[in-house]
Structure formats: structure tokens, C-alpha cells
Amino acid sequence: MAYSDFTLERLKKDCGVAHERVDFFMKPHRIVEPSAQLEQILADNNELPLLTEKAKSEFLISPILHELYRNNNRQFTIYSGFSFNVNETLFGFCDYLLGREPHSLTVDAPIFCVVEAKNRSIEEGFGQCGAEMYAAWLFNQQAGRPVDTIYGSVTDGYSWVFLRYQGEKLEIDLPRFTLNELPQLLGALQTIVDYHL
């Protein structure tokens, strides 16, 4: 089934992945100050009509992920709109995947999945993101590069909710991180990268 067809209920039924709401980021939340370049890009882009998924992806989500990429000396790869077919049950395109291997042309060691909220509520993206995270966990296992934890996020560009898959359970973080709290959002993203690099 395509990732976009998954709900949390279908993920549990078909893949055995249960879920729960938890607060898994340490408090106080980590702070990473945005660069002047990112602040200017987001300020300029917020003047545009961000009415579609594509616009939010290009003008809000992508600049934030590129800031993370620069902050980490390009030590991972960002895949955008990538076909990620793991088996006959888990397949389709991922909005964004972060892979642990830098400068790779093929998906290697995915560690983080980002799903756009499809102009609906963020909660409706939890099943899709969970399916992509579970697929990334399986992919790493099959490639002989197992990881204990896969992270993900569902975002509409303005608000981000983080997810964590470990031990056959999908954990959905309680707080939301927003563009109005950009240092905390960047801190959460950096925490995820630090875990894997």
C-alpha cells in the first residue's frame, strides 16, 4: 500500500506498529539560533501566497532543512520527492528523507522522514509518516545497517510535530514546534541529527 494511504489504524493492523502520545524531547528544549540568511529567506517567502503543498514545501520546509544541512557541514543527504519502495506493502514517494550517508545519489541509511500535511490537519499525516518511518527501519535492517530509532515529522510548513519509531512502537510528540519558535524547532531537528551522526 502506498504510504499516503496509511492511517494509524492501518499501520497497526498491517504492520503491527502501535502508537502513543508522549513528550520525548528533553526540557527545556534545545535552542539553535537561526542564521540571518534563514530568517531573511523565511521573511521574504512568507510574503508569497503559500496556498499549496508545493509552495509550502519549497518556501518554508526546504529552507529549514537546508539550514540544518549547512549547520552540520553537509554530513547527511536530503532526498526530496524520492521513490522509496521497500516491499509490496510499503512503497511510494516520500516528501523528504534524510540519509546518514553524505553526497549519496541513492537512499542510504534513512534516519528522518518529513511528511507534508497535504493541506489538511497535521494529525492526518501521522499514519503516512509512521509508515515511512517503519519502512526506513526495515530498509536499514535489510541493508545490514540497523538503527534503534527512526525519527519523523509531519508539518504544514508552519507547525511541526515530531514522531519517533522504536521497539515496534510509534511515539508522537506532544508539543508542536512552530515558525514563531524557530530556535526551538531548529534545536529539535539538531537533536535528531546529533542522535544519528
N, C-alpha and C. Protein backbone atom coordinates (compact mmCIF):
# COMPACT_ATOMS: atom_id res chain seq x y z
N MET A 1 0.85 -1.18 0.00
CA MET A 1 0.00 0.00 0.00
C MET A 1 0.90 1.24 0.00
N ALA A 2 0.51 2.23 -0.74
CA ALA A 2 1.28 3.47 -0.79
C ALA A 2 1.28 4.13 0.58
N TYR A 3 2.38 4.79 0.93
CA TYR A 3 2.50 5.44 2.23
C TYR A 3 1.33 6.39 2.47
N SER A 4 0.92 7.11 1.44
CA SER A 4 -0.13 8.11 1.60
C SER A 4 -1.49 7.50 1.95
N ASP A 5 -1.64 6.17 1.77
CA ASP A 5 -2.90 5.50 2.11
C ASP A 5 -2.97 5.04 3.56
N PHE A 6 -1.85 5.12 4.27
CA PHE A 6 -1.81 4.62 5.64
C PHE A 6 -2.47 5.58 6.62
N THR A 7 -3.21 5.01 7.55
CA THR A 7 -3.69 5.70 8.74
C THR A 7 -3.00 5.03 9.93
N LEU A 8 -3.12 5.61 11.09
CA LEU A 8 -2.54 4.98 12.28
C LEU A 8 -3.17 3.61 12.52
N GLU A 9 -4.47 3.50 12.27
CA GLU A 9 -5.16 2.23 12.46
C GLU A 9 -4.65 1.17 11.48
N ARG A 10 -4.45 1.58 10.23
CA ARG A 10 -3.96 0.64 9.21
C ARG A 10 -2.52 0.24 9.49
N LEU A 11 -1.73 1.16 10.02
CA LEU A 11 -0.34 0.87 10.36
C LEU A 11 -0.28 -0.20 11.46
N LYS A 12 -1.17 -0.09 12.42
CA LYS A 12 -1.21 -1.09 13.50
C LYS A 12 -1.69 -2.44 12.97
N LYS A 13 -2.73 -2.42 12.15
CA LYS A 13 -3.31 -3.67 11.64
C LYS A 13 -2.37 -4.39 10.68
N ASP A 14 -1.79 -3.66 9.73
CA ASP A 14 -0.99 -4.29 8.67
C ASP A 14 0.47 -4.52 9.07
N CYS A 15 1.01 -3.66 9.93
CA CYS A 15 2.44 -3.73 10.24
C CYS A 15 2.73 -4.01 11.72
N GLY A 16 1.68 -4.04 12.53
CA GLY A 16 1.87 -4.31 13.96
C GLY A 16 2.51 -3.18 14.72
N VAL A 17 2.40 -1.96 14.20
CA VAL A 17 3.02 -0.80 14.84
C VAL A 17 1.96 -0.04 15.63
N ALA A 18 2.04 -0.16 16.96
CA ALA A 18 1.14 0.59 17.83
C ALA A 18 1.66 2.01 17.99
N HIS A 19 0.85 2.88 18.58
CA HIS A 19 1.29 4.27 18.75
C HIS A 19 0.81 4.82 20.09
N GLU A 20 1.52 5.85 20.55
CA GLU A 20 1.11 6.56 21.76
C GLU A 20 1.64 7.98 21.71
N ARG A 21 0.96 8.88 22.42
CA ARG A 21 1.41 10.27 22.54
C ARG A 21 2.32 10.38 23.75
N VAL A 22 3.50 10.94 23.57
CA VAL A 22 4.46 11.11 24.65
C VAL A 22 5.17 12.45 24.46
N ASP A 23 5.93 12.85 25.45
CA ASP A 23 6.77 14.04 25.36
C ASP A 23 8.21 13.54 25.39
N PHE A 24 8.81 13.33 24.20
CA PHE A 24 10.11 12.67 24.19
C PHE A 24 11.31 13.60 24.01
N PHE A 25 11.08 14.88 23.75
CA PHE A 25 12.22 15.81 23.70
C PHE A 25 12.51 16.32 25.10
N MET A 26 13.79 16.42 25.40
CA MET A 26 14.21 16.90 26.72
C MET A 26 13.75 18.34 26.93
N LYS A 27 13.38 18.66 28.16
CA LYS A 27 13.02 20.04 28.51
C LYS A 27 14.06 20.57 29.47
N PRO A 28 14.46 21.83 29.39
CA PRO A 28 14.00 22.78 28.38
C PRO A 28 14.48 22.39 26.99
N HIS A 29 13.70 22.75 25.99
CA HIS A 29 14.04 22.38 24.62
C HIS A 29 15.34 23.04 24.19
N ARG A 30 16.09 22.29 23.39
CA ARG A 30 17.36 22.79 22.87
C ARG A 30 17.10 23.99 21.96
N ILE A 31 18.02 24.93 21.98
CA ILE A 31 17.91 26.16 21.19
C ILE A 31 19.04 26.19 20.15
N VAL A 32 18.71 26.42 18.91
CA VAL A 32 19.69 26.68 17.85
C VAL A 32 19.24 27.95 17.15
N GLU A 33 20.02 28.99 17.29
CA GLU A 33 19.64 30.28 16.69
C GLU A 33 19.71 30.20 15.17
N PRO A 34 18.69 30.67 14.48
CA PRO A 34 18.72 30.66 13.01
C PRO A 34 19.72 31.67 12.48
N SER A 35 20.25 31.36 11.33
CA SER A 35 21.15 32.31 10.67
C SER A 35 20.35 33.50 10.16
N ALA A 36 21.03 34.60 9.97
CA ALA A 36 20.37 35.78 9.38
C ALA A 36 19.84 35.44 7.99
N GLN A 37 20.57 34.58 7.28
CA GLN A 37 20.15 34.17 5.94
C GLN A 37 18.80 33.45 5.98
N LEU A 38 18.65 32.49 6.91
CA LEU A 38 17.38 31.77 7.01
C LEU A 38 16.25 32.70 7.42
N GLU A 39 16.50 33.56 8.37
CA GLU A 39 15.46 34.49 8.80
C GLU A 39 14.98 35.36 7.65
N GLN A 40 15.92 35.82 6.83
CA GLN A 40 15.55 36.66 5.69
C GLN A 40 14.78 35.87 4.64
N ILE A 41 15.23 34.65 4.36
CA ILE A 41 14.55 33.80 3.38
C ILE A 41 13.11 33.55 3.81
N LEU A 42 12.92 33.18 5.08
CA LEU A 42 11.56 32.89 5.56
C LEU A 42 10.70 34.14 5.58
N ALA A 43 11.29 35.28 5.94
CA ALA A 43 10.53 36.54 5.94
C ALA A 43 10.09 36.89 4.52
N ASP A 44 11.00 36.75 3.57
CA ASP A 44 10.65 37.03 2.16
C ASP A 44 9.59 36.06 1.66
N ASN A 45 9.79 34.77 1.97
CA ASN A 45 8.87 33.75 1.45
C ASN A 45 7.49 33.84 2.07
N ASN A 46 7.40 34.34 3.29
CA ASN A 46 6.09 34.48 3.93
C ASN A 46 5.24 35.57 3.28
N GLU A 47 5.86 36.40 2.44
CA GLU A 47 5.10 37.41 1.70
C GLU A 47 4.42 36.81 0.47
N LEU A 48 4.81 35.58 0.11
CA LEU A 48 4.25 34.91 -1.07
C LEU A 48 2.94 34.21 -0.71
N PRO A 49 2.10 33.94 -1.72
CA PRO A 49 0.86 33.19 -1.46
C PRO A 49 1.17 31.70 -1.27
N LEU A 50 1.32 31.27 -0.04
CA LEU A 50 1.68 29.88 0.26
C LEU A 50 0.41 29.06 0.43
N LEU A 51 -0.28 28.82 -0.68
CA LEU A 51 -1.60 28.20 -0.64
C LEU A 51 -1.58 26.73 -1.04
N THR A 52 -0.45 26.24 -1.52
CA THR A 52 -0.38 24.84 -1.96
C THR A 52 0.70 24.11 -1.19
N GLU A 53 0.61 22.78 -1.23
CA GLU A 53 1.64 21.95 -0.61
C GLU A 53 3.01 22.25 -1.23
N LYS A 54 3.05 22.37 -2.54
CA LYS A 54 4.32 22.61 -3.24
C LYS A 54 4.94 23.93 -2.78
N ALA A 55 4.14 24.96 -2.64
CA ALA A 55 4.67 26.26 -2.20
C ALA A 55 5.21 26.17 -0.79
N LYS A 56 4.48 25.55 0.12
CA LYS A 56 4.95 25.42 1.50
C LYS A 56 6.22 24.58 1.55
N SER A 57 6.27 23.54 0.74
CA SER A 57 7.45 22.69 0.70
C SER A 57 8.68 23.46 0.24
N GLU A 58 8.53 24.19 -0.85
CA GLU A 58 9.66 24.92 -1.43
C GLU A 58 10.09 26.12 -0.59
N PHE A 59 9.11 26.86 -0.06
CA PHE A 59 9.42 28.15 0.54
C PHE A 59 9.51 28.15 2.06
N LEU A 60 9.03 27.10 2.72
CA LEU A 60 9.11 27.03 4.19
C LEU A 60 9.93 25.83 4.67
N ILE A 61 9.56 24.64 4.19
CA ILE A 61 10.20 23.42 4.70
C ILE A 61 11.62 23.28 4.19
N SER A 62 11.80 23.42 2.89
CA SER A 62 13.13 23.24 2.30
C SER A 62 14.18 24.19 2.88
N PRO A 63 13.91 25.48 3.05
CA PRO A 63 14.93 26.35 3.65
C PRO A 63 15.35 25.92 5.06
N ILE A 64 14.41 25.40 5.84
CA ILE A 64 14.74 24.96 7.19
C ILE A 64 15.63 23.72 7.15
N LEU A 65 15.31 22.77 6.26
CA LEU A 65 16.15 21.58 6.15
C LEU A 65 17.53 21.92 5.60
N HIS A 66 17.59 22.89 4.70
CA HIS A 66 18.91 23.31 4.18
C HIS A 66 19.74 24.01 5.25
N GLU A 67 19.10 24.73 6.14
CA GLU A 67 19.82 25.33 7.27
C GLU A 67 20.43 24.23 8.13
N LEU A 68 19.67 23.19 8.39
CA LEU A 68 20.16 22.05 9.16
C LEU A 68 21.33 21.39 8.44
N TYR A 69 21.21 21.26 7.15
CA TYR A 69 22.27 20.67 6.31
C TYR A 69 23.55 21.48 6.41
N ARG A 70 23.45 22.81 6.29
CA ARG A 70 24.64 23.67 6.39
C ARG A 70 25.23 23.64 7.80
N ASN A 71 24.36 23.65 8.81
CA ASN A 71 24.84 23.64 10.19
C ASN A 71 25.64 22.39 10.54
N ASN A 72 25.42 21.33 9.78
CA ASN A 72 26.09 20.05 10.05
C ASN A 72 27.13 19.71 8.99
N ASN A 73 27.67 20.75 8.36
CA ASN A 73 28.75 20.59 7.40
C ASN A 73 28.45 19.55 6.32
N ARG A 74 27.16 19.50 5.92
CA ARG A 74 26.73 18.63 4.82
C ARG A 74 27.06 17.16 5.08
N GLN A 75 26.90 16.71 6.31
CA GLN A 75 27.25 15.35 6.71
C GLN A 75 26.11 14.34 6.54
N PHE A 76 25.04 14.74 5.86
CA PHE A 76 23.96 13.82 5.52
C PHE A 76 23.41 14.26 4.17
N THR A 77 22.45 13.52 3.64
CA THR A 77 21.86 13.84 2.35
C THR A 77 20.36 14.07 2.53
N ILE A 78 19.85 15.06 1.83
CA ILE A 78 18.41 15.33 1.81
C ILE A 78 17.86 14.82 0.48
N TYR A 79 16.88 13.94 0.56
CA TYR A 79 16.18 13.44 -0.62
C TYR A 79 14.79 14.06 -0.64
N SER A 80 14.41 14.66 -1.75
CA SER A 80 13.11 15.32 -1.87
C SER A 80 12.29 14.64 -2.95
N GLY A 81 11.05 14.24 -2.60
CA GLY A 81 10.18 13.61 -3.58
C GLY A 81 10.72 12.31 -4.11
N PHE A 82 11.38 11.55 -3.26
CA PHE A 82 12.10 10.35 -3.68
C PHE A 82 11.22 9.12 -3.61
N SER A 83 11.30 8.26 -4.63
CA SER A 83 10.60 6.99 -4.62
C SER A 83 11.33 6.05 -3.66
N PHE A 84 10.60 5.55 -2.65
CA PHE A 84 11.19 4.73 -1.60
C PHE A 84 10.35 3.47 -1.46
N ASN A 85 10.67 2.48 -2.29
CA ASN A 85 9.91 1.23 -2.33
C ASN A 85 10.66 0.16 -1.57
N VAL A 86 10.13 -0.23 -0.42
CA VAL A 86 10.81 -1.18 0.45
C VAL A 86 10.31 -2.60 0.23
N ASN A 87 9.00 -2.76 0.08
CA ASN A 87 8.42 -4.07 -0.24
C ASN A 87 7.04 -3.84 -0.86
N GLU A 88 6.28 -4.93 -1.04
CA GLU A 88 4.98 -4.81 -1.71
C GLU A 88 3.94 -4.10 -0.86
N THR A 89 4.22 -3.93 0.42
CA THR A 89 3.29 -3.26 1.33
C THR A 89 3.67 -1.81 1.58
N LEU A 90 4.95 -1.52 1.52
CA LEU A 90 5.47 -0.20 1.86
C LEU A 90 6.18 0.40 0.64
N PHE A 91 5.49 1.32 -0.02
CA PHE A 91 6.07 1.91 -1.22
C PHE A 91 5.46 3.28 -1.47
N GLY A 92 6.11 4.02 -2.32
CA GLY A 92 5.60 5.33 -2.71
C GLY A 92 6.67 6.39 -2.62
N PHE A 93 6.23 7.63 -2.75
CA PHE A 93 7.14 8.77 -2.72
C PHE A 93 7.13 9.40 -1.33
N CYS A 94 8.32 9.79 -0.89
CA CYS A 94 8.47 10.49 0.39
C CYS A 94 8.71 11.97 0.10
N ASP A 95 8.05 12.83 0.86
CA ASP A 95 8.26 14.26 0.67
C ASP A 95 9.73 14.61 0.90
N TYR A 96 10.26 14.21 2.05
CA TYR A 96 11.68 14.40 2.36
C TYR A 96 12.17 13.22 3.17
N LEU A 97 13.35 12.74 2.82
CA LEU A 97 14.08 11.76 3.62
C LEU A 97 15.46 12.32 3.89
N LEU A 98 15.95 12.14 5.10
CA LEU A 98 17.33 12.47 5.41
C LEU A 98 18.08 11.16 5.57
N GLY A 99 19.18 11.02 4.84
CA GLY A 99 20.00 9.82 4.90
C GLY A 99 21.33 10.10 5.57
N ARG A 100 21.83 9.14 6.29
CA ARG A 100 23.04 9.32 7.08
C ARG A 100 24.29 9.46 6.21
N GLU A 101 24.26 8.92 5.00
CA GLU A 101 25.43 8.98 4.12
C GLU A 101 25.46 10.30 3.35
N PRO A 102 26.54 11.07 3.47
CA PRO A 102 26.60 12.33 2.73
C PRO A 102 26.85 12.12 1.24
N HIS A 103 26.27 12.99 0.42
CA HIS A 103 26.54 13.07 -1.02
C HIS A 103 26.16 11.81 -1.79
N SER A 104 25.20 11.04 -1.30
CA SER A 104 24.81 9.80 -1.98
C SER A 104 23.68 10.08 -2.96
N LEU A 105 23.73 9.43 -4.10
CA LEU A 105 22.70 9.58 -5.13
C LEU A 105 21.54 8.61 -4.93
N THR A 106 21.74 7.59 -4.11
CA THR A 106 20.67 6.64 -3.80
C THR A 106 20.39 6.71 -2.30
N VAL A 107 19.19 6.31 -1.92
CA VAL A 107 18.83 6.36 -0.50
C VAL A 107 19.71 5.38 0.27
N ASP A 108 20.47 5.90 1.19
CA ASP A 108 21.31 5.09 2.07
C ASP A 108 21.04 5.49 3.51
N ALA A 109 20.78 4.50 4.35
CA ALA A 109 20.62 4.68 5.79
C ALA A 109 19.70 5.84 6.14
N PRO A 110 18.43 5.77 5.73
CA PRO A 110 17.50 6.85 6.09
C PRO A 110 17.31 6.93 7.61
N ILE A 111 17.29 8.17 8.13
CA ILE A 111 17.19 8.37 9.57
C ILE A 111 16.02 9.28 9.95
N PHE A 112 15.47 10.02 8.97
CA PHE A 112 14.45 11.01 9.30
C PHE A 112 13.53 11.19 8.11
N CYS A 113 12.22 11.16 8.35
CA CYS A 113 11.22 11.30 7.31
C CYS A 113 10.37 12.53 7.61
N VAL A 114 10.16 13.37 6.61
CA VAL A 114 9.30 14.54 6.77
C VAL A 114 8.13 14.42 5.81
N VAL A 115 6.93 14.57 6.36
CA VAL A 115 5.71 14.46 5.56
C VAL A 115 4.97 15.78 5.63
N GLU A 116 4.60 16.29 4.48
CA GLU A 116 3.77 17.49 4.45
C GLU A 116 2.33 17.11 4.77
N ALA A 117 1.62 18.01 5.41
CA ALA A 117 0.28 17.70 5.90
C ALA A 117 -0.81 17.77 4.83
N LYS A 118 -0.45 17.91 3.59
CA LYS A 118 -1.40 17.81 2.48
C LYS A 118 -2.57 18.77 2.59
N ASN A 119 -2.32 19.96 3.10
CA ASN A 119 -3.36 20.98 3.25
C ASN A 119 -4.52 20.51 4.12
N ARG A 120 -4.28 19.48 4.94
CA ARG A 120 -5.28 19.03 5.89
C ARG A 120 -4.68 19.21 7.28
N SER A 121 -5.28 18.59 8.26
CA SER A 121 -4.74 18.68 9.60
C SER A 121 -3.45 17.87 9.69
N ILE A 122 -2.57 18.31 10.53
CA ILE A 122 -1.31 17.61 10.72
C ILE A 122 -1.56 16.18 11.17
N GLU A 123 -2.55 15.97 12.02
CA GLU A 123 -2.83 14.64 12.54
C GLU A 123 -3.10 13.62 11.43
N GLU A 124 -3.67 14.07 10.32
CA GLU A 124 -3.95 13.15 9.22
C GLU A 124 -2.69 12.63 8.55
N GLY A 125 -1.57 13.25 8.80
CA GLY A 125 -0.31 12.79 8.23
C GLY A 125 0.44 11.80 9.09
N PHE A 126 -0.05 11.53 10.32
CA PHE A 126 0.68 10.64 11.23
C PHE A 126 0.82 9.23 10.68
N GLY A 127 -0.24 8.70 10.06
CA GLY A 127 -0.18 7.34 9.51
C GLY A 127 0.84 7.23 8.39
N GLN A 128 0.84 8.21 7.49
CA GLN A 128 1.79 8.20 6.38
C GLN A 128 3.22 8.30 6.90
N CYS A 129 3.45 9.23 7.83
CA CYS A 129 4.80 9.40 8.36
C CYS A 129 5.25 8.14 9.10
N GLY A 130 4.34 7.57 9.90
CA GLY A 130 4.68 6.34 10.62
C GLY A 130 5.03 5.21 9.68
N ALA A 131 4.30 5.08 8.56
CA ALA A 131 4.60 4.03 7.58
C ALA A 131 5.97 4.25 6.94
N GLU A 132 6.30 5.50 6.62
CA GLU A 132 7.61 5.80 6.05
C GLU A 132 8.73 5.51 7.05
N MET A 133 8.49 5.85 8.32
CA MET A 133 9.50 5.59 9.35
C MET A 133 9.71 4.08 9.55
N TYR A 134 8.61 3.33 9.59
CA TYR A 134 8.72 1.88 9.71
C TYR A 134 9.45 1.30 8.51
N ALA A 135 9.14 1.80 7.31
CA ALA A 135 9.82 1.35 6.10
C ALA A 135 11.32 1.67 6.17
N ALA A 136 11.66 2.85 6.68
CA ALA A 136 13.08 3.21 6.82
C ALA A 136 13.78 2.28 7.80
N TRP A 137 13.10 1.93 8.88
CA TRP A 137 13.67 1.00 9.86
C TRP A 137 13.92 -0.37 9.21
N LEU A 138 12.91 -0.87 8.44
CA LEU A 138 13.08 -2.14 7.73
C LEU A 138 14.20 -2.07 6.71
N PHE A 139 14.24 -0.97 5.96
CA PHE A 139 15.27 -0.79 4.94
C PHE A 139 16.66 -0.88 5.56
N ASN A 140 16.86 -0.21 6.67
CA ASN A 140 18.16 -0.25 7.34
C ASN A 140 18.49 -1.65 7.84
N GLN A 141 17.48 -2.37 8.35
CA GLN A 141 17.69 -3.74 8.81
C GLN A 141 18.14 -4.62 7.64
N GLN A 142 17.41 -4.52 6.52
CA GLN A 142 17.70 -5.36 5.36
C GLN A 142 19.06 -5.04 4.75
N ALA A 143 19.50 -3.78 4.88
CA ALA A 143 20.78 -3.37 4.33
C ALA A 143 21.94 -3.71 5.25
N GLY A 144 21.65 -4.32 6.40
CA GLY A 144 22.70 -4.66 7.35
C GLY A 144 23.23 -3.46 8.11
N ARG A 145 22.42 -2.38 8.19
CA ARG A 145 22.82 -1.17 8.90
C ARG A 145 21.70 -0.78 9.86
N PRO A 146 21.39 -1.68 10.80
CA PRO A 146 20.24 -1.42 11.67
C PRO A 146 20.43 -0.19 12.55
N VAL A 147 19.33 0.49 12.81
CA VAL A 147 19.32 1.60 13.76
C VAL A 147 18.18 1.34 14.74
N ASP A 148 18.38 1.76 15.98
CA ASP A 148 17.37 1.53 17.01
C ASP A 148 16.16 2.44 16.84
N THR A 149 16.40 3.65 16.34
CA THR A 149 15.36 4.68 16.35
C THR A 149 15.34 5.42 15.02
N ILE A 150 14.14 5.62 14.51
CA ILE A 150 13.92 6.45 13.32
C ILE A 150 13.02 7.61 13.75
N TYR A 151 13.36 8.80 13.31
CA TYR A 151 12.56 9.98 13.62
C TYR A 151 11.79 10.43 12.38
N GLY A 152 10.75 11.19 12.62
CA GLY A 152 9.97 11.76 11.54
C GLY A 152 9.27 13.02 12.01
N SER A 153 8.66 13.70 11.07
CA SER A 153 7.88 14.89 11.39
C SER A 153 6.78 15.06 10.37
N VAL A 154 5.65 15.55 10.85
CA VAL A 154 4.56 15.97 9.96
C VAL A 154 4.44 17.48 10.13
N THR A 155 4.40 18.18 9.02
CA THR A 155 4.38 19.64 9.08
C THR A 155 3.49 20.22 7.99
N ASP A 156 2.91 21.35 8.29
CA ASP A 156 2.21 22.12 7.27
C ASP A 156 3.06 23.31 6.85
N GLY A 157 4.32 23.30 7.26
CA GLY A 157 5.23 24.39 6.98
C GLY A 157 5.32 25.38 8.12
N TYR A 158 4.23 25.53 8.85
CA TYR A 158 4.18 26.48 9.97
C TYR A 158 4.32 25.79 11.32
N SER A 159 3.73 24.61 11.46
CA SER A 159 3.81 23.83 12.69
C SER A 159 4.42 22.47 12.37
N TRP A 160 5.22 21.96 13.28
CA TRP A 160 5.89 20.67 13.11
C TRP A 160 5.57 19.81 14.32
N VAL A 161 5.16 18.56 14.08
CA VAL A 161 5.01 17.56 15.14
C VAL A 161 6.00 16.44 14.85
N PHE A 162 6.77 16.07 15.86
CA PHE A 162 7.80 15.05 15.68
C PHE A 162 7.31 13.69 16.13
N LEU A 163 7.83 12.66 15.46
CA LEU A 163 7.49 11.28 15.76
C LEU A 163 8.79 10.49 15.91
N ARG A 164 8.68 9.39 16.68
CA ARG A 164 9.84 8.52 16.90
C ARG A 164 9.38 7.08 16.85
N TYR A 165 10.06 6.26 16.04
CA TYR A 165 9.76 4.83 15.96
C TYR A 165 10.89 4.07 16.62
N GLN A 166 10.53 3.25 17.61
CA GLN A 166 11.50 2.36 18.24
C GLN A 166 10.74 1.24 18.94
N GLY A 167 11.31 0.05 18.86
CA GLY A 167 10.71 -1.07 19.56
C GLY A 167 9.29 -1.39 19.17
N GLU A 168 8.98 -1.35 17.88
CA GLU A 168 7.65 -1.66 17.35
C GLU A 168 6.58 -0.70 17.83
N LYS A 169 6.98 0.47 18.26
CA LYS A 169 6.01 1.46 18.71
C LYS A 169 6.33 2.81 18.09
N LEU A 170 5.28 3.49 17.65
CA LEU A 170 5.40 4.84 17.11
C LEU A 170 5.00 5.81 18.21
N GLU A 171 5.92 6.69 18.57
CA GLU A 171 5.65 7.70 19.58
C GLU A 171 5.44 9.04 18.89
N ILE A 172 4.38 9.72 19.27
CA ILE A 172 4.04 11.02 18.68
C ILE A 172 4.24 12.06 19.76
N ASP A 173 5.13 13.01 19.48
CA ASP A 173 5.49 14.01 20.48
C ASP A 173 4.29 14.91 20.80
N LEU A 174 4.14 15.27 22.05
CA LEU A 174 3.01 16.09 22.47
C LEU A 174 3.09 17.54 21.99
N PRO A 175 4.23 18.21 22.18
CA PRO A 175 4.24 19.61 21.76
C PRO A 175 4.38 19.78 20.25
N ARG A 176 3.98 20.94 19.78
CA ARG A 176 4.22 21.35 18.40
C ARG A 176 5.29 22.42 18.41
N PHE A 177 6.12 22.39 17.40
CA PHE A 177 7.13 23.43 17.21
C PHE A 177 6.68 24.29 16.04
N THR A 178 6.78 25.59 16.17
CA THR A 178 6.26 26.47 15.13
C THR A 178 7.35 27.41 14.61
N LEU A 179 7.05 28.03 13.47
CA LEU A 179 7.97 29.02 12.91
C LEU A 179 8.15 30.20 13.85
N ASN A 180 7.16 30.46 14.69
CA ASN A 180 7.30 31.55 15.66
C ASN A 180 8.31 31.21 16.75
N GLU A 181 8.66 29.93 16.86
CA GLU A 181 9.66 29.46 17.81
C GLU A 181 10.78 28.77 17.04
N LEU A 182 11.30 29.47 16.05
CA LEU A 182 12.27 28.87 15.14
C LEU A 182 13.50 28.31 15.85
N PRO A 183 14.08 28.97 16.87
CA PRO A 183 15.24 28.38 17.56
C PRO A 183 14.91 27.03 18.21
N GLN A 184 13.70 26.87 18.75
CA GLN A 184 13.33 25.59 19.35
C GLN A 184 13.12 24.53 18.27
N LEU A 185 12.53 24.92 17.13
CA LEU A 185 12.35 23.99 16.02
C LEU A 185 13.69 23.52 15.48
N LEU A 186 14.60 24.45 15.26
CA LEU A 186 15.92 24.07 14.79
C LEU A 186 16.65 23.22 15.83
N GLY A 187 16.41 23.49 17.10
CA GLY A 187 17.01 22.69 18.16
C GLY A 187 16.50 21.26 18.15
N ALA A 188 15.20 21.08 17.91
CA ALA A 188 14.64 19.73 17.83
C ALA A 188 15.23 18.97 16.64
N LEU A 189 15.33 19.63 15.50
CA LEU A 189 15.92 19.00 14.33
C LEU A 189 17.38 18.64 14.58
N GLN A 190 18.11 19.52 15.24
CA GLN A 190 19.52 19.26 15.52
C GLN A 190 19.68 18.09 16.49
N THR A 191 18.78 17.97 17.44
CA THR A 191 18.81 16.86 18.38
C THR A 191 18.69 15.52 17.63
N ILE A 192 17.82 15.49 16.63
CA ILE A 192 17.64 14.27 15.83
C ILE A 192 18.91 13.96 15.05
N VAL A 193 19.50 14.96 14.41
CA VAL A 193 20.73 14.73 13.64
C VAL A 193 21.85 14.30 14.57
N ASP A 194 21.98 14.92 15.74
CA ASP A 194 23.03 14.55 16.68
C ASP A 194 22.91 13.09 17.11
N TYR A 195 21.70 12.60 17.22
CA TYR A 195 21.49 11.21 17.63
C TYR A 195 22.09 10.24 16.62
N HIS A 196 22.04 10.60 15.34
CA HIS A 196 22.44 9.66 14.29
C HIS A 196 23.83 9.89 13.71
N LEU A 197 24.38 11.08 13.86
CA LEU A 197 25.70 11.34 13.24
C LEU A 197 26.83 11.17 14.24
